[in-house]
Every structure is written in structure tokens, then in C-alpha cells.
Amino acid sequence: MTQKPDFQQMSRKELRTYVLTHREDEEALRIYMARLHNEPGVIRQSGGLNEEDLNQLEQLIKTRVGDSASADLSVR
């Protein structure tokens, strides 16, 4: 049996890389998620988007798509 790395000694970036390449390792994922939860400055979303948020997102997408389409037409 291969020995697991010391997750506590890994940087967050190293641990993230390990978790992405060893998706079956639940212990590594738990440690990574605990670090993210405890790290200051990480923005957490609790719950889904409400109706107002969805409307704002829809408008933003329409604006961006419209801007992109206008830029494409001016290049031609």
C-alpha cells in the first residue's frame, strides 16, 4: 500500500492539485474543504440565487452578448 502525503504540510495550491488528480481520496477533499472554510477572504455563497439576482444576471448576460455581437459586426 502506498503511503499518503502529509496533507497538513501541503500548501493550498498543492493540496488542490492533489485533490483534482486523486478525486477518490475523500480524506484529502475533507482537509481541503476545511482549509477553504477557515481561510479568511474566501467568499462563500449560502443558498441559491433569488428572483432579483436571476434577473440581474440575465440582464448582464444580454448586455455582454449584445456588446460582443456589436464588436463582431464592426470588425467585418
PDB file of N, CA and C in Angstrom:
ATOM      1  N   MET A   1       0.846  -1.189   0.000  1.00  0.00           N
ATOM      2  CA  MET A   1       0.000   0.000   0.000  1.00  0.00           C
ATOM      3  C   MET A   1       0.886   1.245   0.000  1.00  0.00           C
ATOM      4  N   THR A   2       0.525   2.211  -0.828  1.00  0.00           N
ATOM      5  CA  THR A   2       1.326   3.426  -0.884  1.00  0.00           C
ATOM      6  C   THR A   2       0.948   4.359   0.255  1.00  0.00           C
ATOM      7  N   GLN A   3       1.929   5.076   0.715  1.00  0.00           N
ATOM      8  CA  GLN A   3       1.714   5.997   1.832  1.00  0.00           C
ATOM      9  C   GLN A   3       1.177   7.324   1.294  1.00  0.00           C
ATOM     10  N   LYS A   4       0.148   7.859   1.950  1.00  0.00           N
ATOM     11  CA  LYS A   4      -0.435   9.136   1.539  1.00  0.00           C
ATOM     12  C   LYS A   4       0.493  10.274   1.931  1.00  0.00           C
ATOM     13  N   PRO A   5       0.472  11.350   1.147  1.00  0.00           N
ATOM     14  CA  PRO A   5       1.274  12.515   1.519  1.00  0.00           C
ATOM     15  C   PRO A   5       0.729  13.176   2.783  1.00  0.00           C
ATOM     16  N   ASP A   6       1.541  13.995   3.393  1.00  0.00           N
ATOM     17  CA  ASP A   6       1.130  14.730   4.586  1.00  0.00           C
ATOM     18  C   ASP A   6       0.358  15.971   4.136  1.00  0.00           C
ATOM     19  N   PHE A   7      -0.949  15.885   4.166  1.00  0.00           N
ATOM     20  CA  PHE A   7      -1.789  16.968   3.665  1.00  0.00           C
ATOM     21  C   PHE A   7      -1.601  18.259   4.463  1.00  0.00           C
ATOM     22  N   GLN A   8      -1.292  18.128   5.728  1.00  0.00           N
ATOM     23  CA  GLN A   8      -1.110  19.309   6.579  1.00  0.00           C
ATOM     24  C   GLN A   8       0.116  20.120   6.169  1.00  0.00           C
ATOM     25  N   GLN A   9       1.097  19.467   5.566  1.00  0.00           N
ATOM     26  CA  GLN A   9       2.316  20.152   5.147  1.00  0.00           C
ATOM     27  C   GLN A   9       2.204  20.758   3.744  1.00  0.00           C
ATOM     28  N   MET A  10       1.179  20.385   3.011  1.00  0.00           N
ATOM     29  CA  MET A  10       0.993  20.893   1.650  1.00  0.00           C
ATOM     30  C   MET A  10       0.431  22.305   1.670  1.00  0.00           C
ATOM     31  N   SER A  11       0.839  23.087   0.680  1.00  0.00           N
ATOM     32  CA  SER A  11       0.217  24.399   0.509  1.00  0.00           C
ATOM     33  C   SER A  11      -1.198  24.175  -0.026  1.00  0.00           C
ATOM     34  N   ARG A  12      -2.010  25.221   0.003  1.00  0.00           N
ATOM     35  CA  ARG A  12      -3.375  25.081  -0.509  1.00  0.00           C
ATOM     36  C   ARG A  12      -3.353  24.712  -1.987  1.00  0.00           C
ATOM     37  N   LYS A  13      -2.446  25.320  -2.732  1.00  0.00           N
ATOM     38  CA  LYS A  13      -2.341  25.032  -4.162  1.00  0.00           C
ATOM     39  C   LYS A  13      -1.928  23.576  -4.400  1.00  0.00           C
ATOM     40  N   GLU A  14      -0.959  23.089  -3.642  1.00  0.00           N
ATOM     41  CA  GLU A  14      -0.526  21.698  -3.776  1.00  0.00           C
ATOM     42  C   GLU A  14      -1.659  20.736  -3.422  1.00  0.00           C
ATOM     43  N   LEU A  15      -2.375  21.054  -2.346  1.00  0.00           N
ATOM     44  CA  LEU A  15      -3.472  20.193  -1.919  1.00  0.00           C
ATOM     45  C   LEU A  15      -4.590  20.196  -2.962  1.00  0.00           C
ATOM     46  N   ARG A  16      -4.870  21.344  -3.535  1.00  0.00           N
ATOM     47  CA  ARG A  16      -5.891  21.429  -4.594  1.00  0.00           C
ATOM     48  C   ARG A  16      -5.492  20.551  -5.777  1.00  0.00           C
ATOM     49  N   THR A  17      -4.250  20.642  -6.194  1.00  0.00           N
ATOM     50  CA  THR A  17      -3.761  19.821  -7.295  1.00  0.00           C
ATOM     51  C   THR A  17      -3.887  18.343  -6.957  1.00  0.00           C
ATOM     52  N   TYR A  18      -3.536  17.982  -5.741  1.00  0.00           N
ATOM     53  CA  TYR A  18      -3.643  16.587  -5.309  1.00  0.00           C
ATOM     54  C   TYR A  18      -5.102  16.127  -5.357  1.00  0.00           C
ATOM     55  N   VAL A  19      -6.010  16.940  -4.837  1.00  0.00           N
ATOM     56  CA  VAL A  19      -7.427  16.574  -4.801  1.00  0.00           C
ATOM     57  C   VAL A  19      -7.959  16.396  -6.232  1.00  0.00           C
ATOM     58  N   LEU A  20      -7.547  17.271  -7.139  1.00  0.00           N
ATOM     59  CA  LEU A  20      -8.025  17.170  -8.520  1.00  0.00           C
ATOM     60  C   LEU A  20      -7.489  15.941  -9.236  1.00  0.00           C
ATOM     61  N   THR A  21      -6.312  15.488  -8.860  1.00  0.00           N
ATOM     62  CA  THR A  21      -5.738  14.300  -9.513  1.00  0.00           C
ATOM     63  C   THR A  21      -6.051  13.009  -8.773  1.00  0.00           C
ATOM     64  N   HIS A  22      -6.551  13.110  -7.545  1.00  0.00           N
ATOM     65  CA  HIS A  22      -6.929  11.938  -6.741  1.00  0.00           C
ATOM     66  C   HIS A  22      -8.361  12.135  -6.242  1.00  0.00           C
ATOM     67  N   ARG A  23      -9.287  12.219  -7.166  1.00  0.00           N
ATOM     68  CA  ARG A  23     -10.678  12.548  -6.842  1.00  0.00           C
ATOM     69  C   ARG A  23     -11.350  11.550  -5.910  1.00  0.00           C
ATOM     70  N   GLU A  24     -10.804  10.357  -5.820  1.00  0.00           N
ATOM     71  CA  GLU A  24     -11.398   9.339  -4.950  1.00  0.00           C
ATOM     72  C   GLU A  24     -10.953   9.488  -3.490  1.00  0.00           C
ATOM     73  N   ASP A  25      -9.978  10.350  -3.225  1.00  0.00           N
ATOM     74  CA  ASP A  25      -9.424  10.498  -1.878  1.00  0.00           C
ATOM     75  C   ASP A  25     -10.288  11.458  -1.059  1.00  0.00           C
ATOM     76  N   GLU A  26     -11.221  10.896  -0.316  1.00  0.00           N
ATOM     77  CA  GLU A  26     -12.164  11.711   0.461  1.00  0.00           C
ATOM     78  C   GLU A  26     -11.489  12.441   1.624  1.00  0.00           C
ATOM     79  N   GLU A  27     -10.472  11.832   2.196  1.00  0.00           N
ATOM     80  CA  GLU A  27      -9.763  12.491   3.304  1.00  0.00           C
ATOM     81  C   GLU A  27      -9.116  13.786   2.826  1.00  0.00           C
ATOM     82  N   ALA A  28      -8.451  13.733   1.670  1.00  0.00           N
ATOM     83  CA  ALA A  28      -7.797  14.926   1.120  1.00  0.00           C
ATOM     84  C   ALA A  28      -8.836  15.998   0.808  1.00  0.00           C
ATOM     85  N   LEU A  29      -9.971  15.600   0.253  1.00  0.00           N
ATOM     86  CA  LEU A  29     -11.030  16.556  -0.064  1.00  0.00           C
ATOM     87  C   LEU A  29     -11.572  17.206   1.207  1.00  0.00           C
ATOM     88  N   ARG A  30     -11.782  16.415   2.261  1.00  0.00           N
ATOM     89  CA  ARG A  30     -12.272  16.980   3.529  1.00  0.00           C
ATOM     90  C   ARG A  30     -11.288  18.011   4.094  1.00  0.00           C
ATOM     91  N   ILE A  31     -10.006  17.685   4.048  1.00  0.00           N
ATOM     92  CA  ILE A  31      -8.995  18.615   4.568  1.00  0.00           C
ATOM     93  C   ILE A  31      -8.962  19.883   3.723  1.00  0.00           C
ATOM     94  N   TYR A  32      -9.044  19.732   2.405  1.00  0.00           N
ATOM     95  CA  TYR A  32      -9.035  20.894   1.508  1.00  0.00           C
ATOM     96  C   TYR A  32     -10.244  21.788   1.769  1.00  0.00           C
ATOM     97  N   MET A  33     -11.413  21.189   1.892  1.00  0.00           N
ATOM     98  CA  MET A  33     -12.628  21.965   2.132  1.00  0.00           C
ATOM     99  C   MET A  33     -12.579  22.660   3.495  1.00  0.00           C
ATOM    100  N   ALA A  34     -12.016  21.996   4.491  1.00  0.00           N
ATOM    101  CA  ALA A  34     -11.883  22.612   5.818  1.00  0.00           C
ATOM    102  C   ALA A  34     -10.973  23.831   5.737  1.00  0.00           C
ATOM    103  N   ARG A  35      -9.897  23.714   4.970  1.00  0.00           N
ATOM    104  CA  ARG A  35      -8.996  24.865   4.807  1.00  0.00           C
ATOM    105  C   ARG A  35      -9.702  26.024   4.131  1.00  0.00           C
ATOM    106  N   LEU A  36     -10.443  25.738   3.088  1.00  0.00           N
ATOM    107  CA  LEU A  36     -11.175  26.810   2.407  1.00  0.00           C
ATOM    108  C   LEU A  36     -12.176  27.474   3.340  1.00  0.00           C
ATOM    109  N   HIS A  37     -12.848  26.655   4.131  1.00  0.00           N
ATOM    110  CA  HIS A  37     -13.847  27.185   5.059  1.00  0.00           C
ATOM    111  C   HIS A  37     -13.219  28.114   6.091  1.00  0.00           C
ATOM    112  N   ASN A  38     -12.021  27.783   6.542  1.00  0.00           N
ATOM    113  CA  ASN A  38     -11.367  28.543   7.606  1.00  0.00           C
ATOM    114  C   ASN A  38     -10.485  29.677   7.098  1.00  0.00           C
ATOM    115  N   GLU A  39     -10.280  29.757   5.798  1.00  0.00           N
ATOM    116  CA  GLU A  39      -9.377  30.769   5.256  1.00  0.00           C
ATOM    117  C   GLU A  39     -10.079  32.122   5.163  1.00  0.00           C
ATOM    118  N   PRO A  40      -9.444  33.162   5.692  1.00  0.00           N
ATOM    119  CA  PRO A  40     -10.056  34.489   5.603  1.00  0.00           C
ATOM    120  C   PRO A  40     -10.045  34.981   4.153  1.00  0.00           C
ATOM    121  N   GLY A  41     -11.055  35.735   3.806  1.00  0.00           N
ATOM    122  CA  GLY A  41     -11.102  36.320   2.473  1.00  0.00           C
ATOM    123  C   GLY A  41     -11.784  35.459   1.425  1.00  0.00           C
ATOM    124  N   VAL A  42     -12.137  34.228   1.774  1.00  0.00           N
ATOM    125  CA  VAL A  42     -12.847  33.370   0.830  1.00  0.00           C
ATOM    126  C   VAL A  42     -14.325  33.699   0.915  1.00  0.00           C
ATOM    127  N   ILE A  43     -14.916  34.020  -0.221  1.00  0.00           N
ATOM    128  CA  ILE A  43     -16.330  34.391  -0.259  1.00  0.00           C
ATOM    129  C   ILE A  43     -17.156  33.122  -0.379  1.00  0.00           C
ATOM    130  N   ARG A  44     -18.128  33.001   0.478  1.00  0.00           N
ATOM    131  CA  ARG A  44     -18.997  31.824   0.482  1.00  0.00           C
ATOM    132  C   ARG A  44     -20.395  32.220   0.051  1.00  0.00           C
ATOM    133  N   GLN A  45     -21.007  31.387  -0.736  1.00  0.00           N
ATOM    134  CA  GLN A  45     -22.392  31.601  -1.160  1.00  0.00           C
ATOM    135  C   GLN A  45     -23.267  30.639  -0.385  1.00  0.00           C
ATOM    136  N   SER A  46     -24.208  31.163   0.359  1.00  0.00           N
ATOM    137  CA  SER A  46     -25.118  30.283   1.082  1.00  0.00           C
ATOM    138  C   SER A  46     -26.470  30.313   0.395  1.00  0.00           C
ATOM    139  N   GLY A  47     -26.802  29.240  -0.246  1.00  0.00           N
ATOM    140  CA  GLY A  47     -28.087  29.158  -0.931  1.00  0.00           C
ATOM    141  C   GLY A  47     -27.977  29.565  -2.380  1.00  0.00           C
ATOM    142  N   GLY A  48     -29.075  29.474  -3.052  1.00  0.00           N
ATOM    143  CA  GLY A  48     -29.120  29.783  -4.476  1.00  0.00           C
ATOM    144  C   GLY A  48     -29.427  31.243  -4.733  1.00  0.00           C
ATOM    145  N   LEU A  49     -29.626  31.541  -5.999  1.00  0.00           N
ATOM    146  CA  LEU A  49     -29.957  32.897  -6.400  1.00  0.00           C
ATOM    147  C   LEU A  49     -31.447  33.133  -6.240  1.00  0.00           C
ATOM    148  N   ASN A  50     -31.792  34.340  -5.817  1.00  0.00           N
ATOM    149  CA  ASN A  50     -33.214  34.673  -5.729  1.00  0.00           C
ATOM    150  C   ASN A  50     -33.668  35.271  -7.064  1.00  0.00           C
ATOM    151  N   GLU A  51     -34.937  35.603  -7.173  1.00  0.00           N
ATOM    152  CA  GLU A  51     -35.524  36.110  -8.422  1.00  0.00           C
ATOM    153  C   GLU A  51     -34.811  37.366  -8.914  1.00  0.00           C
ATOM    154  N   GLU A  52     -34.535  38.284  -7.999  1.00  0.00           N
ATOM    155  CA  GLU A  52     -33.858  39.532  -8.374  1.00  0.00           C
ATOM    156  C   GLU A  52     -32.453  39.257  -8.903  1.00  0.00           C
ATOM    157  N   ASP A  53     -31.726  38.364  -8.230  1.00  0.00           N
ATOM    158  CA  ASP A  53     -30.383  38.004  -8.688  1.00  0.00           C
ATOM    159  C   ASP A  53     -30.424  37.404 -10.090  1.00  0.00           C
ATOM    160  N   LEU A  54     -31.393  36.527 -10.331  1.00  0.00           N
ATOM    161  CA  LEU A  54     -31.519  35.901 -11.647  1.00  0.00           C
ATOM    162  C   LEU A  54     -31.827  36.935 -12.725  1.00  0.00           C
ATOM    163  N   ASN A  55     -32.679  37.895 -12.416  1.00  0.00           N
ATOM    164  CA  ASN A  55     -32.997  38.951 -13.375  1.00  0.00           C
ATOM    165  C   ASN A  55     -31.775  39.808 -13.686  1.00  0.00           C
ATOM    166  N   GLN A  56     -31.008  40.148 -12.657  1.00  0.00           N
ATOM    167  CA  GLN A  56     -29.794  40.934 -12.865  1.00  0.00           C
ATOM    168  C   GLN A  56     -28.777  40.162 -13.699  1.00  0.00           C
ATOM    169  N   LEU A  57     -28.642  38.880 -13.427  1.00  0.00           N
ATOM    170  CA  LEU A  57     -27.720  38.039 -14.177  1.00  0.00           C
ATOM    171  C   LEU A  57     -28.156  37.945 -15.638  1.00  0.00           C
ATOM    172  N   GLU A  58     -29.442  37.785 -15.867  1.00  0.00           N
ATOM    173  CA  GLU A  58     -29.961  37.707 -17.229  1.00  0.00           C
ATOM    174  C   GLU A  58     -29.667  39.002 -17.993  1.00  0.00           C
ATOM    175  N   GLN A  59     -29.875  40.148 -17.352  1.00  0.00           N
ATOM    176  CA  GLN A  59     -29.598  41.434 -17.995  1.00  0.00           C
ATOM    177  C   GLN A  59     -28.114  41.595 -18.305  1.00  0.00           C
ATOM    178  N   LEU A  60     -27.276  41.180 -17.377  1.00  0.00           N
ATOM    179  CA  LEU A  60     -25.830  41.265 -17.580  1.00  0.00           C
ATOM    180  C   LEU A  60     -25.402  40.409 -18.770  1.00  0.00           C
ATOM    181  N   ILE A  61     -25.933  39.215 -18.851  1.00  0.00           N
ATOM    182  CA  ILE A  61     -25.597  38.320 -19.968  1.00  0.00           C
ATOM    183  C   ILE A  61     -26.065  38.934 -21.283  1.00  0.00           C
ATOM    184  N   LYS A  62     -27.292  39.455 -21.315  1.00  0.00           N
ATOM    185  CA  LYS A  62     -27.802  40.081 -22.540  1.00  0.00           C
ATOM    186  C   LYS A  62     -26.934  41.258 -22.962  1.00  0.00           C
ATOM    187  N   THR A  63     -26.502  42.049 -21.983  1.00  0.00           N
ATOM    188  CA  THR A  63     -25.650  43.196 -22.283  1.00  0.00           C
ATOM    189  C   THR A  63     -24.315  42.740 -22.854  1.00  0.00           C
ATOM    190  N   ARG A  64     -23.709  41.759 -22.208  1.00  0.00           N
ATOM    191  CA  ARG A  64     -22.405  41.257 -22.669  1.00  0.00           C
ATOM    192  C   ARG A  64     -22.505  40.616 -24.049  1.00  0.00           C
ATOM    193  N   VAL A  65     -23.552  39.831 -24.281  1.00  0.00           N
ATOM    194  CA  VAL A  65     -23.737  39.184 -25.580  1.00  0.00           C
ATOM    195  C   VAL A  65     -23.968  40.255 -26.648  1.00  0.00           C
ATOM    196  N   GLY A  66     -24.760  41.274 -26.317  1.00  0.00           N
ATOM    197  CA  GLY A  66     -25.003  42.372 -27.249  1.00  0.00           C
ATOM    198  C   GLY A  66     -23.726  43.125 -27.572  1.00  0.00           C
ATOM    199  N   ASP A  67     -22.898  43.397 -26.556  1.00  0.00           N
ATOM    200  CA  ASP A  67     -21.617  44.071 -26.765  1.00  0.00           C
ATOM    201  C   ASP A  67     -20.706  43.240 -27.661  1.00  0.00           C
ATOM    202  N   SER A  68     -20.696  41.942 -27.421  1.00  0.00           N
ATOM    203  CA  SER A  68     -19.862  41.036 -28.193  1.00  0.00           C
ATOM    204  C   SER A  68     -20.325  40.994 -29.654  1.00  0.00           C
ATOM    205  N   ALA A  69     -21.634  40.930 -29.869  1.00  0.00           N
ATOM    206  CA  ALA A  69     -22.182  40.878 -31.222  1.00  0.00           C
ATOM    207  C   ALA A  69     -21.884  42.184 -31.955  1.00  0.00           C
ATOM    208  N   SER A  70     -21.979  43.315 -31.279  1.00  0.00           N
ATOM    209  CA  SER A  70     -21.675  44.598 -31.892  1.00  0.00           C
ATOM    210  C   SER A  70     -20.208  44.687 -32.280  1.00  0.00           C
ATOM    211  N   ALA A  71     -19.343  44.174 -31.427  1.00  0.00           N
ATOM    212  CA  ALA A  71     -17.898  44.189 -31.709  1.00  0.00           C
ATOM    213  C   ALA A  71     -17.588  43.310 -32.901  1.00  0.00           C
ATOM    214  N   ASP A  72     -18.267  42.147 -33.019  1.00  0.00           N
ATOM    215  CA  ASP A  72     -18.061  41.254 -34.141  1.00  0.00           C
ATOM    216  C   ASP A  72     -18.475  41.920 -35.446  1.00  0.00           C
ATOM    217  N   LEU A  73     -19.581  42.655 -35.438  1.00  0.00           N
ATOM    218  CA  LEU A  73     -20.070  43.302 -36.648  1.00  0.00           C
ATOM    219  C   LEU A  73     -19.157  44.439 -37.090  1.00  0.00           C
ATOM    220  N   SER A  74     -18.574  45.152 -36.151  1.00  0.00           N
ATOM    221  CA  SER A  74     -17.711  46.277 -36.508  1.00  0.00           C
ATOM    222  C   SER A  74     -16.372  45.817 -37.058  1.00  0.00           C
ATOM    223  N   VAL A  75     -15.981  44.600 -36.783  1.00  0.00           N
ATOM    224  CA  VAL A  75     -14.704  44.067 -37.283  1.00  0.00           C
ATOM    225  C   VAL A  75     -14.812  43.715 -38.759  1.00  0.00           C
ATOM    226  N   ARG A  76     -16.016  43.345 -39.189  1.00  0.00           N
ATOM    227  CA  ARG A  76     -16.200  42.877 -40.572  1.00  0.00           C
ATOM    228  C   ARG A  76     -16.154  43.972 -41.545  1.00  0.00           C
TER     229      ARG A  76
END
